[in-house]
């Protein structure tokens, strides 16, 4: 379950940032997870909760934002979210599009209380 190692890396990043702000308490951490990243959000959330429990970071909350697959049209340069199975451009119907997003796994923000 690689989600547990990802959760651990997120907590390491939170601790590193918290060390830069003595006396502050981190309330929430937000991550962006692309649908093509291979990360299962429920497993990440479960592992994160298990790792936070009983630590000085408790009750740190994890907020997950799902990032859809995005494609870029080679004809008209439109970047669009893929909402159905078709990868064709919704503007010009071109079938030649390239992957432009959806593989992300980003630490988006920390919510900190002084």
PDB file of N, CA and C in Angstrom:
ATOM      1  N   UNK A   1       0.851  -1.179   0.000  1.00  0.00           N
ATOM      2  CA  UNK A   1       0.000   0.000   0.000  1.00  0.00           C
ATOM      3  C   UNK A   1       0.896   1.240   0.000  1.00  0.00           C
ATOM      4  N   UNK A   2       1.146   1.798  -1.170  1.00  0.00           N
ATOM      5  CA  UNK A   2       2.023   2.963  -1.259  1.00  0.00           C
ATOM      6  C   UNK A   2       1.376   4.226  -0.711  1.00  0.00           C
ATOM      7  N   UNK A   3       0.069   4.194  -0.477  1.00  0.00           N
ATOM      8  CA  UNK A   3      -0.605   5.352   0.088  1.00  0.00           C
ATOM      9  C   UNK A   3      -0.087   5.668   1.494  1.00  0.00           C
ATOM     10  N   UNK A   4       0.320   4.633   2.228  1.00  0.00           N
ATOM     11  CA  UNK A   4       0.840   4.846   3.575  1.00  0.00           C
ATOM     12  C   UNK A   4       2.173   5.598   3.519  1.00  0.00           C
ATOM     13  N   UNK A   5       3.015   5.274   2.567  1.00  0.00           N
ATOM     14  CA  UNK A   5       4.283   6.005   2.432  1.00  0.00           C
ATOM     15  C   UNK A   5       4.031   7.436   1.947  1.00  0.00           C
ATOM     16  N   UNK A   6       3.019   7.623   1.122  1.00  0.00           N
ATOM     17  CA  UNK A   6       2.651   8.981   0.686  1.00  0.00           C
ATOM     18  C   UNK A   6       2.140   9.785   1.876  1.00  0.00           C
ATOM     19  N   UNK A   7       1.294   9.168   2.699  1.00  0.00           N
ATOM     20  CA  UNK A   7       0.790   9.835   3.906  1.00  0.00           C
ATOM     21  C   UNK A   7       1.943  10.216   4.825  1.00  0.00           C
ATOM     22  N   UNK A   8       2.919   9.344   4.952  1.00  0.00           N
ATOM     23  CA  UNK A   8       4.081   9.626   5.782  1.00  0.00           C
ATOM     24  C   UNK A   8       4.882  10.799   5.221  1.00  0.00           C
ATOM     25  N   UNK A   9       5.038  10.854   3.915  1.00  0.00           N
ATOM     26  CA  UNK A   9       5.755  11.969   3.276  1.00  0.00           C
ATOM     27  C   UNK A   9       4.998  13.289   3.468  1.00  0.00           C
ATOM     28  N   UNK A  10       3.687  13.246   3.402  1.00  0.00           N
ATOM     29  CA  UNK A  10       2.876  14.448   3.647  1.00  0.00           C
ATOM     30  C   UNK A  10       3.102  14.937   5.076  1.00  0.00           C
ATOM     31  N   UNK A  11       3.092  14.016   6.031  1.00  0.00           N
ATOM     32  CA  UNK A  11       3.307  14.391   7.426  1.00  0.00           C
ATOM     33  C   UNK A  11       4.713  14.942   7.649  1.00  0.00           C
ATOM     34  N   UNK A  12       5.707  14.387   6.959  1.00  0.00           N
ATOM     35  CA  UNK A  12       7.067  14.929   7.054  1.00  0.00           C
ATOM     36  C   UNK A  12       7.098  16.374   6.561  1.00  0.00           C
ATOM     37  N   UNK A  13       6.405  16.644   5.455  1.00  0.00           N
ATOM     38  CA  UNK A  13       6.355  17.997   4.905  1.00  0.00           C
ATOM     39  C   UNK A  13       5.642  18.948   5.872  1.00  0.00           C
ATOM     40  N   UNK A  14       4.574  18.468   6.496  1.00  0.00           N
ATOM     41  CA  UNK A  14       3.847  19.284   7.476  1.00  0.00           C
ATOM     42  C   UNK A  14       4.752  19.599   8.659  1.00  0.00           C
ATOM     43  N   UNK A  15       5.460  18.592   9.171  1.00  0.00           N
ATOM     44  CA  UNK A  15       6.370  18.819  10.304  1.00  0.00           C
ATOM     45  C   UNK A  15       7.475  19.815   9.929  1.00  0.00           C
ATOM     46  N   UNK A  16       8.043  19.668   8.747  1.00  0.00           N
ATOM     47  CA  UNK A  16       9.099  20.587   8.306  1.00  0.00           C
ATOM     48  C   UNK A  16       8.594  22.020   8.246  1.00  0.00           C
ATOM     49  N   UNK A  17       7.400  22.202   7.729  1.00  0.00           N
ATOM     50  CA  UNK A  17       6.834  23.545   7.637  1.00  0.00           C
ATOM     51  C   UNK A  17       6.463  24.072   9.022  1.00  0.00           C
ATOM     52  N   UNK A  18       5.915  23.212   9.871  1.00  0.00           N
ATOM     53  CA  UNK A  18       5.536  23.627  11.225  1.00  0.00           C
ATOM     54  C   UNK A  18       6.763  24.058  12.026  1.00  0.00           C
ATOM     55  N   UNK A  19       7.907  23.415  11.787  1.00  0.00           N
ATOM     56  CA  UNK A  19       9.141  23.788  12.482  1.00  0.00           C
ATOM     57  C   UNK A  19       9.579  25.205  12.146  1.00  0.00           C
ATOM     58  N   UNK A  20       9.164  25.709  11.002  1.00  0.00           N
ATOM     59  CA  UNK A  20       9.518  27.067  10.588  1.00  0.00           C
ATOM     60  C   UNK A  20       8.666  28.132  11.295  1.00  0.00           C
ATOM     61  N   UNK A  21       7.593  27.678  11.966  1.00  0.00           N
ATOM     62  CA  UNK A  21       6.659  28.593  12.630  1.00  0.00           C
ATOM     63  C   UNK A  21       6.409  28.120  14.065  1.00  0.00           C
ATOM     64  N   UNK A  22       7.388  28.305  14.950  1.00  0.00           N
ATOM     65  CA  UNK A  22       7.238  27.838  16.334  1.00  0.00           C
ATOM     66  C   UNK A  22       5.978  28.412  16.994  1.00  0.00           C
ATOM     67  N   UNK A  23       5.279  27.575  17.704  1.00  0.00           N
ATOM     68  CA  UNK A  23       4.067  27.989  18.407  1.00  0.00           C
ATOM     69  C   UNK A  23       2.803  27.886  17.580  1.00  0.00           C
ATOM     70  N   UNK A  24       2.940  27.721  16.282  1.00  0.00           N
ATOM     71  CA  UNK A  24       1.761  27.591  15.425  1.00  0.00           C
ATOM     72  C   UNK A  24       1.285  26.142  15.432  1.00  0.00           C
ATOM     73  N   UNK A  25       0.002  25.976  15.209  1.00  0.00           N
ATOM     74  CA  UNK A  25      -0.600  24.637  15.171  1.00  0.00           C
ATOM     75  C   UNK A  25      -1.213  24.424  13.787  1.00  0.00           C
ATOM     76  N   UNK A  26      -0.788  23.376  13.119  1.00  0.00           N
ATOM     77  CA  UNK A  26      -1.328  23.072  11.795  1.00  0.00           C
ATOM     78  C   UNK A  26      -2.663  22.359  11.974  1.00  0.00           C
ATOM     79  N   UNK A  27      -3.717  22.927  11.377  1.00  0.00           N
ATOM     80  CA  UNK A  27      -5.064  22.379  11.512  1.00  0.00           C
ATOM     81  C   UNK A  27      -5.445  21.454  10.365  1.00  0.00           C
ATOM     82  N   UNK A  28      -4.991  21.829   9.167  1.00  0.00           N
ATOM     83  CA  UNK A  28      -5.427  21.090   7.985  1.00  0.00           C
ATOM     84  C   UNK A  28      -4.338  21.126   6.932  1.00  0.00           C
ATOM     85  N   UNK A  29      -4.237  20.039   6.174  1.00  0.00           N
ATOM     86  CA  UNK A  29      -3.346  19.981   5.030  1.00  0.00           C
ATOM     87  C   UNK A  29      -4.180  19.564   3.822  1.00  0.00           C
ATOM     88  N   UNK A  30      -3.969  20.270   2.723  1.00  0.00           N
ATOM     89  CA  UNK A  30      -4.709  19.974   1.502  1.00  0.00           C
ATOM     90  C   UNK A  30      -3.777  19.397   0.448  1.00  0.00           C
ATOM     91  N   UNK A  31      -4.244  18.368  -0.219  1.00  0.00           N
ATOM     92  CA  UNK A  31      -3.486  17.765  -1.312  1.00  0.00           C
ATOM     93  C   UNK A  31      -4.363  17.685  -2.552  1.00  0.00           C
ATOM     94  N   UNK A  32      -3.707  17.749  -3.707  1.00  0.00           N
ATOM     95  CA  UNK A  32      -4.381  17.605  -4.995  1.00  0.00           C
ATOM     96  C   UNK A  32      -3.931  16.275  -5.583  1.00  0.00           C
ATOM     97  N   UNK A  33      -4.908  15.418  -5.924  1.00  0.00           N
ATOM     98  CA  UNK A  33      -4.592  14.096  -6.451  1.00  0.00           C
ATOM     99  C   UNK A  33      -5.272  13.916  -7.796  1.00  0.00           C
ATOM    100  N   UNK A  34      -4.460  13.717  -8.824  1.00  0.00           N
ATOM    101  CA  UNK A  34      -4.982  13.478 -10.159  1.00  0.00           C
ATOM    102  C   UNK A  34      -5.578  12.088 -10.285  1.00  0.00           C
ATOM    103  N   UNK A  35      -6.612  11.984 -11.104  1.00  0.00           N
ATOM    104  CA  UNK A  35      -7.286  10.691 -11.279  1.00  0.00           C
ATOM    105  C   UNK A  35      -6.380   9.653 -11.935  1.00  0.00           C
ATOM    106  N   UNK A  36      -5.315  10.090 -12.572  1.00  0.00           N
ATOM    107  CA  UNK A  36      -4.378   9.170 -13.220  1.00  0.00           C
ATOM    108  C   UNK A  36      -3.120   8.927 -12.383  1.00  0.00           C
ATOM    109  N   UNK A  37      -3.083   9.428 -11.163  1.00  0.00           N
ATOM    110  CA  UNK A  37      -1.884   9.342 -10.322  1.00  0.00           C
ATOM    111  C   UNK A  37      -1.632   7.946  -9.771  1.00  0.00           C
ATOM    112  N   UNK A  38      -2.652   7.127  -9.736  1.00  0.00           N
ATOM    113  CA  UNK A  38      -2.511   5.800  -9.146  1.00  0.00           C
ATOM    114  C   UNK A  38      -2.687   5.790  -7.636  1.00  0.00           C
ATOM    115  N   UNK A  39      -3.068   6.923  -7.069  1.00  0.00           N
ATOM    116  CA  UNK A  39      -3.272   7.033  -5.624  1.00  0.00           C
ATOM    117  C   UNK A  39      -4.752   6.880  -5.331  1.00  0.00           C
ATOM    118  N   UNK A  40      -5.061   5.999  -4.402  1.00  0.00           N
ATOM    119  CA  UNK A  40      -6.442   5.769  -3.984  1.00  0.00           C
ATOM    120  C   UNK A  40      -6.749   6.727  -2.822  1.00  0.00           C
ATOM    121  N   UNK A  41      -7.596   7.746  -3.049  1.00  0.00           N
ATOM    122  CA  UNK A  41      -7.852   8.746  -2.006  1.00  0.00           C
ATOM    123  C   UNK A  41      -8.329   8.173  -0.674  1.00  0.00           C
ATOM    124  N   UNK A  42      -9.194   7.170  -0.701  1.00  0.00           N
ATOM    125  CA  UNK A  42      -9.706   6.595   0.549  1.00  0.00           C
ATOM    126  C   UNK A  42      -8.587   5.916   1.334  1.00  0.00           C
ATOM    127  N   UNK A  43      -7.704   5.202   0.634  1.00  0.00           N
ATOM    128  CA  UNK A  43      -6.583   4.534   1.303  1.00  0.00           C
ATOM    129  C   UNK A  43      -5.609   5.565   1.869  1.00  0.00           C
ATOM    130  N   UNK A  44      -5.381   6.656   1.132  1.00  0.00           N
ATOM    131  CA  UNK A  44      -4.502   7.720   1.617  1.00  0.00           C
ATOM    132  C   UNK A  44      -5.089   8.351   2.876  1.00  0.00           C
ATOM    133  N   UNK A  45      -6.366   8.634   2.857  1.00  0.00           N
ATOM    134  CA  UNK A  45      -7.036   9.234   4.010  1.00  0.00           C
ATOM    135  C   UNK A  45      -6.967   8.316   5.231  1.00  0.00           C
ATOM    136  N   UNK A  46      -7.197   7.027   5.009  1.00  0.00           N
ATOM    137  CA  UNK A  46      -7.141   6.060   6.107  1.00  0.00           C
ATOM    138  C   UNK A  46      -5.731   5.988   6.694  1.00  0.00           C
ATOM    139  N   UNK A  47      -4.731   5.871   5.833  1.00  0.00           N
ATOM    140  CA  UNK A  47      -3.352   5.796   6.297  1.00  0.00           C
ATOM    141  C   UNK A  47      -2.916   7.060   7.007  1.00  0.00           C
ATOM    142  N   UNK A  48      -3.328   8.194   6.478  1.00  0.00           N
ATOM    143  CA  UNK A  48      -3.008   9.484   7.081  1.00  0.00           C
ATOM    144  C   UNK A  48      -3.580   9.561   8.495  1.00  0.00           C
ATOM    145  N   UNK A  49      -4.843   9.200   8.647  1.00  0.00           N
ATOM    146  CA  UNK A  49      -5.496   9.230   9.969  1.00  0.00           C
ATOM    147  C   UNK A  49      -4.782   8.326  10.960  1.00  0.00           C
ATOM    148  N   UNK A  50      -4.387   7.152  10.487  1.00  0.00           N
ATOM    149  CA  UNK A  50      -3.687   6.209  11.360  1.00  0.00           C
ATOM    150  C   UNK A  50      -2.332   6.762  11.811  1.00  0.00           C
ATOM    151  N   UNK A  51      -1.617   7.426  10.910  1.00  0.00           N
ATOM    152  CA  UNK A  51      -0.298   7.962  11.241  1.00  0.00           C
ATOM    153  C   UNK A  51      -0.376   9.194  12.145  1.00  0.00           C
ATOM    154  N   UNK A  52      -1.443   9.973  12.028  1.00  0.00           N
ATOM    155  CA  UNK A  52      -1.597  11.191  12.837  1.00  0.00           C
ATOM    156  C   UNK A  52      -2.030  10.856  14.259  1.00  0.00           C
ATOM    157  N   UNK A  53      -2.792   9.786  14.409  1.00  0.00           N
ATOM    158  CA  UNK A  53      -3.358   9.416  15.710  1.00  0.00           C
ATOM    159  C   UNK A  53      -2.266   9.244  16.758  1.00  0.00           C
ATOM    160  N   UNK A  54      -2.431   9.933  17.873  1.00  0.00           N
ATOM    161  CA  UNK A  54      -1.503   9.821  18.991  1.00  0.00           C
ATOM    162  C   UNK A  54      -0.245  10.666  18.857  1.00  0.00           C
ATOM    163  N   UNK A  55      -0.179  11.525  17.828  1.00  0.00           N
ATOM    164  CA  UNK A  55       0.995  12.383  17.650  1.00  0.00           C
ATOM    165  C   UNK A  55       0.668  13.815  18.066  1.00  0.00           C
ATOM    166  N   UNK A  56       1.682  14.661  18.074  1.00  0.00           N
ATOM    167  CA  UNK A  56       1.471  16.065  18.415  1.00  0.00           C
ATOM    168  C   UNK A  56       0.704  16.797  17.321  1.00  0.00           C
ATOM    169  N   UNK A  57       0.583  16.195  16.146  1.00  0.00           N
ATOM    170  CA  UNK A  57      -0.167  16.813  15.052  1.00  0.00           C
ATOM    171  C   UNK A  57      -1.672  16.567  15.149  1.00  0.00           C
ATOM    172  N   UNK A  58      -2.069  15.617  15.967  1.00  0.00           N
ATOM    173  CA  UNK A  58      -3.498  15.306  16.103  1.00  0.00           C
ATOM    174  C   UNK A  58      -4.233  16.531  16.627  1.00  0.00           C
ATOM    175  N   UNK A  59      -5.348  16.922  16.112  1.00  0.00           N
ATOM    176  CA  UNK A  59      -6.254  16.306  15.142  1.00  0.00           C
ATOM    177  C   UNK A  59      -6.107  16.869  13.727  1.00  0.00           C
ATOM    178  N   UNK A  60      -4.923  16.820  13.161  1.00  0.00           N
ATOM    179  CA  UNK A  60      -4.674  17.326  11.818  1.00  0.00           C
ATOM    180  C   UNK A  60      -5.614  16.666  10.811  1.00  0.00           C
ATOM    181  N   UNK A  61      -6.269  17.493  10.006  1.00  0.00           N
ATOM    182  CA  UNK A  61      -7.204  16.991   8.998  1.00  0.00           C
ATOM    183  C   UNK A  61      -6.544  16.990   7.622  1.00  0.00           C
ATOM    184  N   UNK A  62      -6.916  16.019   6.815  1.00  0.00           N
ATOM    185  CA  UNK A  62      -6.447  15.913   5.443  1.00  0.00           C
ATOM    186  C   UNK A  62      -7.615  16.213   4.516  1.00  0.00           C
ATOM    187  N   UNK A  63      -7.424  17.181   3.628  1.00  0.00           N
ATOM    188  CA  UNK A  63      -8.444  17.498   2.633  1.00  0.00           C
ATOM    189  C   UNK A  63      -7.884  17.130   1.263  1.00  0.00           C
ATOM    190  N   UNK A  64      -8.640  16.324   0.531  1.00  0.00           N
ATOM    191  CA  UNK A  64      -8.192  15.834  -0.767  1.00  0.00           C
ATOM    192  C   UNK A  64      -9.037  16.456  -1.867  1.00  0.00           C
ATOM    193  N   UNK A  65      -8.362  17.072  -2.832  1.00  0.00           N
ATOM    194  CA  UNK A  65      -9.027  17.617  -4.011  1.00  0.00           C
ATOM    195  C   UNK A  65      -8.706  16.700  -5.196  1.00  0.00           C
ATOM    196  N   UNK A  66      -9.740  16.164  -5.800  1.00  0.00           N
ATOM    197  CA  UNK A  66      -9.554  15.316  -6.972  1.00  0.00           C
ATOM    198  C   UNK A  66      -9.331  16.187  -8.200  1.00  0.00           C
ATOM    199  N   UNK A  67      -8.306  15.861  -8.976  1.00  0.00           N
ATOM    200  CA  UNK A  67      -7.983  16.606 -10.188  1.00  0.00           C
ATOM    201  C   UNK A  67      -8.340  15.729 -11.390  1.00  0.00           C
ATOM    202  N   UNK A  68      -9.203  16.221 -12.271  1.00  0.00           N
ATOM    203  CA  UNK A  68      -9.622  15.405 -13.417  1.00  0.00           C
ATOM    204  C   UNK A  68      -8.518  15.270 -14.463  1.00  0.00           C
ATOM    205  N   UNK A  69      -8.694  14.332 -15.346  1.00  0.00           N
ATOM    206  CA  UNK A  69      -7.792  14.217 -16.493  1.00  0.00           C
ATOM    207  C   UNK A  69      -8.012  15.434 -17.385  1.00  0.00           C
ATOM    208  N   UNK A  70      -6.914  15.999 -17.885  1.00  0.00           N
ATOM    209  CA  UNK A  70      -6.988  17.143 -18.795  1.00  0.00           C
ATOM    210  C   UNK A  70      -6.214  16.791 -20.054  1.00  0.00           C
ATOM    211  N   UNK A  71      -6.741  17.247 -21.169  1.00  0.00           N
ATOM    212  CA  UNK A  71      -6.112  17.023 -22.472  1.00  0.00           C
ATOM    213  C   UNK A  71      -5.916  18.367 -23.158  1.00  0.00           C
ATOM    214  N   UNK A  72      -4.949  18.434 -24.065  1.00  0.00           N
ATOM    215  CA  UNK A  72      -4.710  19.643 -24.865  1.00  0.00           C
ATOM    216  C   UNK A  72      -4.841  19.263 -26.330  1.00  0.00           C
ATOM    217  N   UNK A  73      -5.621  20.033 -27.055  1.00  0.00           N
ATOM    218  CA  UNK A  73      -5.864  19.792 -28.470  1.00  0.00           C
ATOM    219  C   UNK A  73      -4.671  20.288 -29.289  1.00  0.00           C
ATOM    220  N   UNK A  74      -4.197  19.445 -30.196  1.00  0.00           N
ATOM    221  CA  UNK A  74      -3.069  19.844 -31.041  1.00  0.00           C
ATOM    222  C   UNK A  74      -3.500  20.781 -32.168  1.00  0.00           C
ATOM    223  N   UNK A  75      -4.785  20.846 -32.476  1.00  0.00           N
ATOM    224  CA  UNK A  75      -5.272  21.707 -33.559  1.00  0.00           C
ATOM    225  C   UNK A  75      -5.604  23.114 -33.085  1.00  0.00           C
ATOM    226  N   UNK A  76      -6.402  23.222 -32.017  1.00  0.00           N
ATOM    227  CA  UNK A  76      -6.844  24.558 -31.578  1.00  0.00           C
ATOM    228  C   UNK A  76      -6.235  24.986 -30.245  1.00  0.00           C
ATOM    229  N   UNK A  77      -5.404  24.113 -29.635  1.00  0.00           N
ATOM    230  CA  UNK A  77      -4.680  24.401 -28.395  1.00  0.00           C
ATOM    231  C   UNK A  77      -5.573  24.549 -27.163  1.00  0.00           C
ATOM    232  N   UNK A  78      -6.819  24.103 -27.240  1.00  0.00           N
ATOM    233  CA  UNK A  78      -7.714  24.134 -26.077  1.00  0.00           C
ATOM    234  C   UNK A  78      -7.268  23.078 -25.073  1.00  0.00           C
ATOM    235  N   UNK A  79      -7.208  23.460 -23.818  1.00  0.00           N
ATOM    236  CA  UNK A  79      -6.986  22.501 -22.735  1.00  0.00           C
ATOM    237  C   UNK A  79      -8.334  22.291 -22.060  1.00  0.00           C
ATOM    238  N   UNK A  80      -8.722  21.022 -21.909  1.00  0.00           N
ATOM    239  CA  UNK A  80     -10.062  20.717 -21.412  1.00  0.00           C
ATOM    240  C   UNK A  80     -10.042  19.534 -20.469  1.00  0.00           C
ATOM    241  N   UNK A  81     -11.024  19.520 -19.545  1.00  0.00           N
ATOM    242  CA  UNK A  81     -11.224  18.381 -18.659  1.00  0.00           C
ATOM    243  C   UNK A  81     -11.892  17.265 -19.435  1.00  0.00           C
ATOM    244  N   UNK A  82     -11.439  16.049 -19.207  1.00  0.00           N
ATOM    245  CA  UNK A  82     -12.060  14.883 -19.833  1.00  0.00           C
ATOM    246  C   UNK A  82     -13.166  14.414 -18.895  1.00  0.00           C
ATOM    247  N   UNK A  83     -14.398  14.594 -19.328  1.00  0.00           N
ATOM    248  CA  UNK A  83     -15.549  14.249 -18.495  1.00  0.00           C
ATOM    249  C   UNK A  83     -16.171  12.928 -18.906  1.00  0.00           C
ATOM    250  N   UNK A  84     -15.879  12.499 -20.086  1.00  0.00           N
ATOM    251  CA  UNK A  84     -16.387  11.223 -20.591  1.00  0.00           C
ATOM    252  C   UNK A  84     -15.197  10.418 -21.075  1.00  0.00           C
ATOM    253  N   UNK A  85     -15.449   9.303 -21.734  1.00  0.00           N
ATOM    254  CA  UNK A  85     -14.365   8.461 -22.224  1.00  0.00           C
ATOM    255  C   UNK A  85     -13.667   9.045 -23.441  1.00  0.00           C
ATOM    256  N   UNK A  86     -14.308   9.921 -24.173  1.00  0.00           N
ATOM    257  CA  UNK A  86     -13.735  10.490 -25.377  1.00  0.00           C
ATOM    258  C   UNK A  86     -12.635  11.497 -25.045  1.00  0.00           C
ATOM    259  N   UNK A  87     -11.518  11.397 -25.775  1.00  0.00           N
ATOM    260  CA  UNK A  87     -10.421  12.342 -25.613  1.00  0.00           C
ATOM    261  C   UNK A  87     -10.419  13.402 -26.712  1.00  0.00           C
ATOM    262  N   UNK A  88     -11.469  13.401 -27.528  1.00  0.00           N
ATOM    263  CA  UNK A  88     -11.578  14.376 -28.619  1.00  0.00           C
ATOM    264  C   UNK A  88     -11.848  15.764 -28.060  1.00  0.00           C
ATOM    265  N   UNK A  89     -11.351  16.751 -28.777  1.00  0.00           N
ATOM    266  CA  UNK A  89     -11.529  18.144 -28.379  1.00  0.00           C
ATOM    267  C   UNK A  89     -13.003  18.536 -28.461  1.00  0.00           C
ATOM    268  N   UNK A  90     -13.560  19.125 -27.397  1.00  0.00           N
ATOM    269  CA  UNK A  90     -14.964  19.537 -27.426  1.00  0.00           C
ATOM    270  C   UNK A  90     -15.207  20.767 -28.309  1.00  0.00           C
ATOM    271  N   UNK A  91     -14.159  21.521 -28.616  1.00  0.00           N
ATOM    272  CA  UNK A  91     -14.305  22.714 -29.439  1.00  0.00           C
ATOM    273  C   UNK A  91     -14.285  22.370 -30.936  1.00  0.00           C
ATOM    274  N   UNK A  92     -13.278  21.593 -31.380  1.00  0.00           N
ATOM    275  CA  UNK A  92     -13.114  21.359 -32.821  1.00  0.00           C
ATOM    276  C   UNK A  92     -13.240  19.887 -33.217  1.00  0.00           C
ATOM    277  N   UNK A  93     -13.486  19.010 -32.244  1.00  0.00           N
ATOM    278  CA  UNK A  93     -13.678  17.574 -32.457  1.00  0.00           C
ATOM    279  C   UNK A  93     -12.424  16.850 -32.951  1.00  0.00           C
ATOM    280  N   UNK A  94     -11.269  17.479 -32.840  1.00  0.00           N
ATOM    281  CA  UNK A  94     -10.009  16.844 -33.210  1.00  0.00           C
ATOM    282  C   UNK A  94      -9.722  15.673 -32.276  1.00  0.00           C
ATOM    283  N   UNK A  95      -9.334  14.540 -32.844  1.00  0.00           N
ATOM    284  CA  UNK A  95      -9.008  13.359 -32.040  1.00  0.00           C
ATOM    285  C   UNK A  95      -7.563  13.353 -31.549  1.00  0.00           C
ATOM    286  N   UNK A  96      -6.745  14.256 -32.040  1.00  0.00           N
ATOM    287  CA  UNK A  96      -5.330  14.287 -31.675  1.00  0.00           C
ATOM    288  C   UNK A  96      -5.104  15.260 -30.524  1.00  0.00           C
ATOM    289  N   UNK A  97      -5.218  14.711 -29.323  1.00  0.00           N
ATOM    290  CA  UNK A  97      -5.002  15.501 -28.119  1.00  0.00           C
ATOM    291  C   UNK A  97      -3.915  14.836 -27.293  1.00  0.00           C
ATOM    292  N   UNK A  98      -3.284  15.623 -26.431  1.00  0.00           N
ATOM    293  CA  UNK A  98      -2.232  15.089 -25.575  1.00  0.00           C
ATOM    294  C   UNK A  98      -2.577  15.330 -24.112  1.00  0.00           C
ATOM    295  N   UNK A  99      -2.043  14.479 -23.266  1.00  0.00           N
ATOM    296  CA  UNK A  99      -2.272  14.582 -21.832  1.00  0.00           C
ATOM    297  C   UNK A  99      -1.702  15.890 -21.303  1.00  0.00           C
ATOM    298  N   UNK A 100      -2.512  16.625 -20.556  1.00  0.00           N
ATOM    299  CA  UNK A 100      -2.089  17.907 -19.996  1.00  0.00           C
ATOM    300  C   UNK A 100      -2.276  17.968 -18.478  1.00  0.00           C
ATOM    301  N   UNK A 101      -2.812  16.937 -17.876  1.00  0.00           N
ATOM    302  CA  UNK A 101      -3.005  16.932 -16.433  1.00  0.00           C
ATOM    303  C   UNK A 101      -3.804  15.742 -15.973  1.00  0.00           C
ATOM    304  N   UNK A 102      -3.742  15.497 -14.689  1.00  0.00           N
ATOM    305  CA  UNK A 102      -4.465  14.384 -14.095  1.00  0.00           C
ATOM    306  C   UNK A 102      -3.545  13.398 -13.404  1.00  0.00           C
ATOM    307  N   UNK A 103      -2.229  13.649 -13.478  1.00  0.00           N
ATOM    308  CA  UNK A 103      -1.258  12.778 -12.825  1.00  0.00           C
ATOM    309  C   UNK A 103      -0.681  13.420 -11.557  1.00  0.00           C
ATOM    310  N   UNK A 104      -1.223  14.553 -11.172  1.00  0.00           N
ATOM    311  CA  UNK A 104      -0.694  15.323 -10.052  1.00  0.00           C
ATOM    312  C   UNK A 104      -0.799  14.584  -8.722  1.00  0.00           C
ATOM    313  N   UNK A 105       0.148  14.891  -7.876  1.00  0.00           N
ATOM    314  CA  UNK A 105       0.096  14.556  -6.459  1.00  0.00           C
ATOM    315  C   UNK A 105       0.845  15.688  -5.770  1.00  0.00           C
ATOM    316  N   UNK A 106       0.093  16.723  -5.397  1.00  0.00           N
ATOM    317  CA  UNK A 106       0.686  17.966  -4.899  1.00  0.00           C
ATOM    318  C   UNK A 106       0.200  18.299  -3.500  1.00  0.00           C
ATOM    319  N   UNK A 107       1.114  18.807  -2.701  1.00  0.00           N
ATOM    320  CA  UNK A 107       0.742  19.414  -1.436  1.00  0.00           C
ATOM    321  C   UNK A 107       0.253  20.813  -1.788  1.00  0.00           C
ATOM    322  N   UNK A 108      -1.022  21.068  -1.595  1.00  0.00           N
ATOM    323  CA  UNK A 108      -1.624  22.321  -2.059  1.00  0.00           C
ATOM    324  C   UNK A 108      -1.553  23.436  -1.021  1.00  0.00           C
ATOM    325  N   UNK A 109      -1.818  23.123   0.238  1.00  0.00           N
ATOM    326  CA  UNK A 109      -1.824  24.172   1.265  1.00  0.00           C
ATOM    327  C   UNK A 109      -1.781  23.580   2.661  1.00  0.00           C
ATOM    328  N   UNK A 110      -1.433  24.430   3.598  1.00  0.00           N
ATOM    329  CA  UNK A 110      -1.527  24.122   5.029  1.00  0.00           C
ATOM    330  C   UNK A 110      -2.378  25.204   5.665  1.00  0.00           C
ATOM    331  N   UNK A 111      -3.269  24.810   6.529  1.00  0.00           N
ATOM    332  CA  UNK A 111      -4.057  25.778   7.304  1.00  0.00           C
ATOM    333  C   UNK A 111      -3.462  25.790   8.706  1.00  0.00           C
ATOM    334  N   UNK A 112      -2.938  26.961   9.089  1.00  0.00           N
ATOM    335  CA  UNK A 112      -2.189  27.080  10.344  1.00  0.00           C
ATOM    336  C   UNK A 112      -2.863  28.092  11.249  1.00  0.00           C
ATOM    337  N   UNK A 113      -2.863  27.776  12.555  1.00  0.00           N
ATOM    338  CA  UNK A 113      -3.401  28.681  13.573  1.00  0.00           C
ATOM    339  C   UNK A 113      -2.252  29.118  14.462  1.00  0.00           C
ATOM    340  N   UNK A 114      -2.116  30.419  14.634  1.00  0.00           N
ATOM    341  CA  UNK A 114      -1.029  30.941  15.502  1.00  0.00           C
ATOM    342  C   UNK A 114      -1.401  30.863  16.946  1.00  0.00           C
TER     343      UNK A 114
END
